[in-house]
């Protein structure tokens, strides 16, 4: 099967393998849903993927960069 035919299979639809969410400025996005289905702790795709550099500051802070260091990286257009 090609990709379109594979994604159109009844089992794919039944399991909710593809989900749709709305992304600001983009509109509807079709994404692969979580493949594991747990009864007690069901998961779901609730937000779109991050935009380019959306979490850069959080990641840098998480690995030890200071606000001043991040500011300098921005000023130098490194991030």
PDB file of N, CA and C in Angstrom:
ATOM      1  N   UNK A   1       0.833  -1.187   0.000  1.00  0.00           N
ATOM      2  CA  UNK A   1       0.000   0.000   0.000  1.00  0.00           C
ATOM      3  C   UNK A   1       0.877   1.249   0.000  1.00  0.00           C
ATOM      4  N   UNK A   2       0.410   2.273  -0.682  1.00  0.00           N
ATOM      5  CA  UNK A   2       1.107   3.549  -0.556  1.00  0.00           C
ATOM      6  C   UNK A   2       0.627   4.214   0.734  1.00  0.00           C
ATOM      7  N   UNK A   3       1.253   5.329   1.105  1.00  0.00           N
ATOM      8  CA  UNK A   3       0.946   5.964   2.388  1.00  0.00           C
ATOM      9  C   UNK A   3      -0.529   6.350   2.497  1.00  0.00           C
ATOM     10  N   UNK A   4      -1.082   6.937   1.454  1.00  0.00           N
ATOM     11  CA  UNK A   4      -2.487   7.360   1.500  1.00  0.00           C
ATOM     12  C   UNK A   4      -3.421   6.176   1.729  1.00  0.00           C
ATOM     13  N   UNK A   5      -3.179   5.090   1.031  1.00  0.00           N
ATOM     14  CA  UNK A   5      -4.014   3.895   1.201  1.00  0.00           C
ATOM     15  C   UNK A   5      -3.828   3.285   2.592  1.00  0.00           C
ATOM     16  N   UNK A   6      -2.600   3.278   3.084  1.00  0.00           N
ATOM     17  CA  UNK A   6      -2.333   2.718   4.410  1.00  0.00           C
ATOM     18  C   UNK A   6      -3.061   3.503   5.489  1.00  0.00           C
ATOM     19  N   UNK A   7      -3.059   4.821   5.379  1.00  0.00           N
ATOM     20  CA  UNK A   7      -3.706   5.652   6.388  1.00  0.00           C
ATOM     21  C   UNK A   7      -5.226   5.644   6.275  1.00  0.00           C
ATOM     22  N   UNK A   8      -5.743   5.097   5.190  1.00  0.00           N
ATOM     23  CA  UNK A   8      -7.191   5.031   4.978  1.00  0.00           C
ATOM     24  C   UNK A   8      -7.771   3.684   5.415  1.00  0.00           C
ATOM     25  N   UNK A   9      -6.982   2.833   6.019  1.00  0.00           N
ATOM     26  CA  UNK A   9      -7.438   1.514   6.445  1.00  0.00           C
ATOM     27  C   UNK A   9      -8.382   1.608   7.643  1.00  0.00           C
ATOM     28  N   UNK A  10      -9.381   0.720   7.718  1.00  0.00           N
ATOM     29  CA  UNK A  10     -10.345   0.742   8.825  1.00  0.00           C
ATOM     30  C   UNK A  10      -9.687   0.681  10.206  1.00  0.00           C
ATOM     31  N   UNK A  11      -8.640  -0.136  10.361  1.00  0.00           N
ATOM     32  CA  UNK A  11      -7.983  -0.267  11.671  1.00  0.00           C
ATOM     33  C   UNK A  11      -7.329   1.056  12.089  1.00  0.00           C
ATOM     34  N   UNK A  12      -6.775   1.785  11.157  1.00  0.00           N
ATOM     35  CA  UNK A  12      -6.160   3.090  11.442  1.00  0.00           C
ATOM     36  C   UNK A  12      -7.229   4.053  11.956  1.00  0.00           C
ATOM     37  N   UNK A  13      -8.380   4.054  11.290  1.00  0.00           N
ATOM     38  CA  UNK A  13      -9.474   4.931  11.714  1.00  0.00           C
ATOM     39  C   UNK A  13     -10.024   4.505  13.075  1.00  0.00           C
ATOM     40  N   UNK A  14     -10.210   3.196  13.266  1.00  0.00           N
ATOM     41  CA  UNK A  14     -10.758   2.674  14.522  1.00  0.00           C
ATOM     42  C   UNK A  14      -9.861   3.025  15.717  1.00  0.00           C
ATOM     43  N   UNK A  15      -8.554   2.911  15.543  1.00  0.00           N
ATOM     44  CA  UNK A  15      -7.619   3.177  16.644  1.00  0.00           C
ATOM     45  C   UNK A  15      -7.299   4.662  16.804  1.00  0.00           C
ATOM     46  N   UNK A  16      -7.779   5.495  15.907  1.00  0.00           N
ATOM     47  CA  UNK A  16      -7.505   6.920  16.015  1.00  0.00           C
ATOM     48  C   UNK A  16      -6.029   7.236  15.826  1.00  0.00           C
ATOM     49  N   UNK A  17      -5.389   6.535  14.903  1.00  0.00           N
ATOM     50  CA  UNK A  17      -3.956   6.696  14.678  1.00  0.00           C
ATOM     51  C   UNK A  17      -3.610   8.101  14.198  1.00  0.00           C
ATOM     52  N   UNK A  18      -4.507   8.706  13.462  1.00  0.00           N
ATOM     53  CA  UNK A  18      -4.310  10.083  12.984  1.00  0.00           C
ATOM     54  C   UNK A  18      -5.284  10.975  13.738  1.00  0.00           C
ATOM     55  N   UNK A  19      -4.790  12.094  14.246  1.00  0.00           N
ATOM     56  CA  UNK A  19      -5.634  13.045  14.958  1.00  0.00           C
ATOM     57  C   UNK A  19      -5.469  14.420  14.327  1.00  0.00           C
ATOM     58  N   UNK A  20      -6.410  15.280  14.556  1.00  0.00           N
ATOM     59  CA  UNK A  20      -6.340  16.646  14.046  1.00  0.00           C
ATOM     60  C   UNK A  20      -6.340  17.625  15.208  1.00  0.00           C
ATOM     61  N   UNK A  21      -5.511  18.632  15.088  1.00  0.00           N
ATOM     62  CA  UNK A  21      -5.505  19.731  16.045  1.00  0.00           C
ATOM     63  C   UNK A  21      -5.403  21.029  15.259  1.00  0.00           C
ATOM     64  N   UNK A  22      -5.721  22.120  15.909  1.00  0.00           N
ATOM     65  CA  UNK A  22      -5.634  23.417  15.263  1.00  0.00           C
ATOM     66  C   UNK A  22      -4.412  24.155  15.794  1.00  0.00           C
ATOM     67  N   UNK A  23      -3.600  24.647  14.878  1.00  0.00           N
ATOM     68  CA  UNK A  23      -2.408  25.409  15.241  1.00  0.00           C
ATOM     69  C   UNK A  23      -2.623  26.867  14.854  1.00  0.00           C
ATOM     70  N   UNK A  24      -2.365  27.756  15.795  1.00  0.00           N
ATOM     71  CA  UNK A  24      -2.541  29.184  15.557  1.00  0.00           C
ATOM     72  C   UNK A  24      -1.693  29.632  14.364  1.00  0.00           C
ATOM     73  N   UNK A  25      -2.316  30.329  13.453  1.00  0.00           N
ATOM     74  CA  UNK A  25      -1.627  30.839  12.282  1.00  0.00           C
ATOM     75  C   UNK A  25      -1.437  29.828  11.176  1.00  0.00           C
ATOM     76  N   UNK A  26      -1.788  28.563  11.440  1.00  0.00           N
ATOM     77  CA  UNK A  26      -1.619  27.514  10.431  1.00  0.00           C
ATOM     78  C   UNK A  26      -2.960  26.900  10.066  1.00  0.00           C
ATOM     79  N   UNK A  27      -3.764  26.628  11.080  1.00  0.00           N
ATOM     80  CA  UNK A  27      -5.041  25.959  10.848  1.00  0.00           C
ATOM     81  C   UNK A  27      -4.963  24.510  11.287  1.00  0.00           C
ATOM     82  N   UNK A  28      -5.716  23.657  10.614  1.00  0.00           N
ATOM     83  CA  UNK A  28      -5.787  22.253  11.005  1.00  0.00           C
ATOM     84  C   UNK A  28      -4.502  21.516  10.616  1.00  0.00           C
ATOM     85  N   UNK A  29      -4.002  20.741  11.569  1.00  0.00           N
ATOM     86  CA  UNK A  29      -2.852  19.868  11.331  1.00  0.00           C
ATOM     87  C   UNK A  29      -3.268  18.440  11.610  1.00  0.00           C
ATOM     88  N   UNK A  30      -2.924  17.544  10.724  1.00  0.00           N
ATOM     89  CA  UNK A  30      -3.152  16.125  10.974  1.00  0.00           C
ATOM     90  C   UNK A  30      -1.824  15.549  11.445  1.00  0.00           C
ATOM     91  N   UNK A  31      -1.867  14.897  12.607  1.00  0.00           N
ATOM     92  CA  UNK A  31      -0.672  14.346  13.235  1.00  0.00           C
ATOM     93  C   UNK A  31      -0.891  12.898  13.627  1.00  0.00           C
ATOM     94  N   UNK A  32       0.211  12.149  13.731  1.00  0.00           N
ATOM     95  CA  UNK A  32       0.113  10.806  14.280  1.00  0.00           C
ATOM     96  C   UNK A  32      -0.226  10.914  15.756  1.00  0.00           C
ATOM     97  N   UNK A  33      -1.209  10.164  16.185  1.00  0.00           N
ATOM     98  CA  UNK A  33      -1.628  10.137  17.579  1.00  0.00           C
ATOM     99  C   UNK A  33      -0.696   9.206  18.349  1.00  0.00           C
ATOM    100  N   UNK A  34      -0.853   9.148  19.646  1.00  0.00           N
ATOM    101  CA  UNK A  34      -0.081   8.217  20.455  1.00  0.00           C
ATOM    102  C   UNK A  34      -0.470   6.792  20.074  1.00  0.00           C
ATOM    103  N   UNK A  35       0.512   5.930  19.929  1.00  0.00           N
ATOM    104  CA  UNK A  35       0.210   4.570  19.487  1.00  0.00           C
ATOM    105  C   UNK A  35      -0.203   3.656  20.631  1.00  0.00           C
ATOM    106  N   UNK A  36       0.352   3.878  21.816  1.00  0.00           N
ATOM    107  CA  UNK A  36      -0.016   3.051  22.965  1.00  0.00           C
ATOM    108  C   UNK A  36      -1.323   3.570  23.552  1.00  0.00           C
ATOM    109  N   UNK A  37      -2.228   2.670  23.822  1.00  0.00           N
ATOM    110  CA  UNK A  37      -3.528   3.023  24.397  1.00  0.00           C
ATOM    111  C   UNK A  37      -3.641   2.377  25.773  1.00  0.00           C
ATOM    112  N   UNK A  38      -3.583   3.189  26.826  1.00  0.00           N
ATOM    113  CA  UNK A  38      -3.651   2.682  28.187  1.00  0.00           C
ATOM    114  C   UNK A  38      -4.999   3.035  28.805  1.00  0.00           C
ATOM    115  N   UNK A  39      -5.623   2.059  29.441  1.00  0.00           N
ATOM    116  CA  UNK A  39      -6.936   2.262  30.033  1.00  0.00           C
ATOM    117  C   UNK A  39      -6.906   3.252  31.197  1.00  0.00           C
ATOM    118  N   UNK A  40      -5.932   3.107  32.096  1.00  0.00           N
ATOM    119  CA  UNK A  40      -5.897   3.943  33.292  1.00  0.00           C
ATOM    120  C   UNK A  40      -5.211   5.287  33.077  1.00  0.00           C
ATOM    121  N   UNK A  41      -4.344   5.362  32.130  1.00  0.00           N
ATOM    122  CA  UNK A  41      -3.626   6.619  31.875  1.00  0.00           C
ATOM    123  C   UNK A  41      -3.632   6.933  30.377  1.00  0.00           C
ATOM    124  N   UNK A  42      -4.811   7.229  29.836  1.00  0.00           N
ATOM    125  CA  UNK A  42      -4.872   7.508  28.404  1.00  0.00           C
ATOM    126  C   UNK A  42      -4.148   8.818  28.075  1.00  0.00           C
ATOM    127  N   UNK A  43      -3.447   8.813  27.007  1.00  0.00           N
ATOM    128  CA  UNK A  43      -2.763  10.022  26.559  1.00  0.00           C
ATOM    129  C   UNK A  43      -3.466  10.592  25.345  1.00  0.00           C
ATOM    130  N   UNK A  44      -3.108  11.790  24.984  1.00  0.00           N
ATOM    131  CA  UNK A  44      -3.694  12.421  23.807  1.00  0.00           C
ATOM    132  C   UNK A  44      -2.773  13.527  23.324  1.00  0.00           C
ATOM    133  N   UNK A  45      -2.821  13.773  22.040  1.00  0.00           N
ATOM    134  CA  UNK A  45      -2.114  14.911  21.455  1.00  0.00           C
ATOM    135  C   UNK A  45      -3.044  16.101  21.631  1.00  0.00           C
ATOM    136  N   UNK A  46      -2.619  17.077  22.433  1.00  0.00           N
ATOM    137  CA  UNK A  46      -3.484  18.216  22.747  1.00  0.00           C
ATOM    138  C   UNK A  46      -2.976  19.534  22.186  1.00  0.00           C
ATOM    139  N   UNK A  47      -1.703  19.592  21.872  1.00  0.00           N
ATOM    140  CA  UNK A  47      -1.132  20.840  21.378  1.00  0.00           C
ATOM    141  C   UNK A  47      -0.332  20.564  20.112  1.00  0.00           C
ATOM    142  N   UNK A  48      -0.172  21.574  19.277  1.00  0.00           N
ATOM    143  CA  UNK A  48       0.630  21.384  18.072  1.00  0.00           C
ATOM    144  C   UNK A  48       2.111  21.292  18.417  1.00  0.00           C
ATOM    145  N   UNK A  49       2.918  20.834  17.482  1.00  0.00           N
ATOM    146  CA  UNK A  49       4.355  20.832  17.713  1.00  0.00           C
ATOM    147  C   UNK A  49       4.831  22.264  17.955  1.00  0.00           C
ATOM    148  N   UNK A  50       5.936  22.446  18.673  1.00  0.00           N
ATOM    149  CA  UNK A  50       6.409  23.808  18.935  1.00  0.00           C
ATOM    150  C   UNK A  50       6.853  24.499  17.653  1.00  0.00           C
ATOM    151  N   UNK A  51       6.687  25.800  17.640  1.00  0.00           N
ATOM    152  CA  UNK A  51       7.194  26.600  16.522  1.00  0.00           C
ATOM    153  C   UNK A  51       8.705  26.693  16.637  1.00  0.00           C
ATOM    154  N   UNK A  52       9.353  27.083  15.576  1.00  0.00           N
ATOM    155  CA  UNK A  52      10.801  27.203  15.562  1.00  0.00           C
ATOM    156  C   UNK A  52      11.266  28.075  16.715  1.00  0.00           C
ATOM    157  N   UNK A  53      12.116  27.565  17.549  1.00  0.00           N
ATOM    158  CA  UNK A  53      12.744  28.213  18.706  1.00  0.00           C
ATOM    159  C   UNK A  53      11.771  28.565  19.832  1.00  0.00           C
ATOM    160  N   UNK A  54      10.582  28.007  19.807  1.00  0.00           N
ATOM    161  CA  UNK A  54       9.581  28.342  20.816  1.00  0.00           C
ATOM    162  C   UNK A  54      10.041  28.000  22.232  1.00  0.00           C
ATOM    163  N   UNK A  55      10.797  26.939  22.395  1.00  0.00           N
ATOM    164  CA  UNK A  55      11.221  26.507  23.724  1.00  0.00           C
ATOM    165  C   UNK A  55      12.718  26.688  23.964  1.00  0.00           C
ATOM    166  N   UNK A  56      13.370  27.444  23.104  1.00  0.00           N
ATOM    167  CA  UNK A  56      14.822  27.596  23.201  1.00  0.00           C
ATOM    168  C   UNK A  56      15.260  28.101  24.574  1.00  0.00           C
ATOM    169  N   UNK A  57      14.617  29.158  25.066  1.00  0.00           N
ATOM    170  CA  UNK A  57      15.031  29.713  26.357  1.00  0.00           C
ATOM    171  C   UNK A  57      14.837  28.703  27.483  1.00  0.00           C
ATOM    172  N   UNK A  58      13.719  27.989  27.482  1.00  0.00           N
ATOM    173  CA  UNK A  58      13.479  26.983  28.519  1.00  0.00           C
ATOM    174  C   UNK A  58      14.552  25.893  28.495  1.00  0.00           C
ATOM    175  N   UNK A  59      14.912  25.447  27.290  1.00  0.00           N
ATOM    176  CA  UNK A  59      15.924  24.405  27.168  1.00  0.00           C
ATOM    177  C   UNK A  59      17.273  24.916  27.658  1.00  0.00           C
ATOM    178  N   UNK A  60      17.652  26.113  27.232  1.00  0.00           N
ATOM    179  CA  UNK A  60      18.932  26.676  27.656  1.00  0.00           C
ATOM    180  C   UNK A  60      18.972  26.899  29.166  1.00  0.00           C
ATOM    181  N   UNK A  61      17.875  27.383  29.727  1.00  0.00           N
ATOM    182  CA  UNK A  61      17.823  27.564  31.185  1.00  0.00           C
ATOM    183  C   UNK A  61      17.954  26.206  31.885  1.00  0.00           C
ATOM    184  N   UNK A  62      17.331  25.193  31.297  1.00  0.00           N
ATOM    185  CA  UNK A  62      17.373  23.862  31.879  1.00  0.00           C
ATOM    186  C   UNK A  62      18.768  23.246  31.902  1.00  0.00           C
ATOM    187  N   UNK A  63      19.627  23.678  30.984  1.00  0.00           N
ATOM    188  CA  UNK A  63      20.992  23.131  30.972  1.00  0.00           C
ATOM    189  C   UNK A  63      21.994  24.110  31.578  1.00  0.00           C
ATOM    190  N   UNK A  64      21.485  25.144  32.237  1.00  0.00           N
ATOM    191  CA  UNK A  64      22.358  25.976  33.048  1.00  0.00           C
ATOM    192  C   UNK A  64      22.707  27.358  32.544  1.00  0.00           C
ATOM    193  N   UNK A  65      22.201  27.767  31.386  1.00  0.00           N
ATOM    194  CA  UNK A  65      22.481  29.120  30.906  1.00  0.00           C
ATOM    195  C   UNK A  65      21.730  30.138  31.761  1.00  0.00           C
ATOM    196  N   UNK A  66      22.349  31.273  31.986  1.00  0.00           N
ATOM    197  CA  UNK A  66      21.699  32.349  32.731  1.00  0.00           C
ATOM    198  C   UNK A  66      20.903  33.213  31.761  1.00  0.00           C
ATOM    199  N   UNK A  67      20.027  34.053  32.328  1.00  0.00           N
ATOM    200  CA  UNK A  67      19.259  34.975  31.486  1.00  0.00           C
ATOM    201  C   UNK A  67      20.196  35.902  30.722  1.00  0.00           C
ATOM    202  N   UNK A  68      21.263  36.344  31.373  1.00  0.00           N
ATOM    203  CA  UNK A  68      22.219  37.241  30.724  1.00  0.00           C
ATOM    204  C   UNK A  68      22.929  36.553  29.562  1.00  0.00           C
ATOM    205  N   UNK A  69      23.309  35.303  29.743  1.00  0.00           N
ATOM    206  CA  UNK A  69      23.959  34.557  28.654  1.00  0.00           C
ATOM    207  C   UNK A  69      23.010  34.363  27.476  1.00  0.00           C
ATOM    208  N   UNK A  70      21.762  34.081  27.765  1.00  0.00           N
ATOM    209  CA  UNK A  70      20.763  33.907  26.701  1.00  0.00           C
ATOM    210  C   UNK A  70      20.545  35.223  25.974  1.00  0.00           C
ATOM    211  N   UNK A  71      20.493  36.312  26.717  1.00  0.00           N
ATOM    212  CA  UNK A  71      20.339  37.640  26.113  1.00  0.00           C
ATOM    213  C   UNK A  71      21.485  37.925  25.152  1.00  0.00           C
ATOM    214  N   UNK A  72      22.706  37.590  25.533  1.00  0.00           N
ATOM    215  CA  UNK A  72      23.876  37.816  24.677  1.00  0.00           C
ATOM    216  C   UNK A  72      23.793  36.947  23.422  1.00  0.00           C
ATOM    217  N   UNK A  73      23.330  35.718  23.558  1.00  0.00           N
ATOM    218  CA  UNK A  73      23.161  34.849  22.396  1.00  0.00           C
ATOM    219  C   UNK A  73      22.146  35.432  21.411  1.00  0.00           C
ATOM    220  N   UNK A  74      21.075  36.030  21.958  1.00  0.00           N
ATOM    221  CA  UNK A  74      20.071  36.668  21.094  1.00  0.00           C
ATOM    222  C   UNK A  74      20.666  37.897  20.388  1.00  0.00           C
ATOM    223  N   UNK A  75      21.394  38.708  21.144  1.00  0.00           N
ATOM    224  CA  UNK A  75      21.992  39.907  20.576  1.00  0.00           C
ATOM    225  C   UNK A  75      22.963  39.563  19.435  1.00  0.00           C
ATOM    226  N   UNK A  76      23.666  38.451  19.559  1.00  0.00           N
ATOM    227  CA  UNK A  76      24.608  38.012  18.533  1.00  0.00           C
ATOM    228  C   UNK A  76      23.916  37.232  17.426  1.00  0.00           C
ATOM    229  N   UNK A  77      22.577  37.089  17.547  1.00  0.00           N
ATOM    230  CA  UNK A  77      21.750  36.348  16.579  1.00  0.00           C
ATOM    231  C   UNK A  77      22.183  34.882  16.449  1.00  0.00           C
ATOM    232  N   UNK A  78      22.672  34.350  17.563  1.00  0.00           N
ATOM    233  CA  UNK A  78      23.006  32.928  17.609  1.00  0.00           C
ATOM    234  C   UNK A  78      21.734  32.107  17.814  1.00  0.00           C
ATOM    235  N   UNK A  79      20.819  32.688  18.581  1.00  0.00           N
ATOM    236  CA  UNK A  79      19.511  32.054  18.754  1.00  0.00           C
ATOM    237  C   UNK A  79      18.446  33.062  18.372  1.00  0.00           C
TER     238      UNK A  79
END
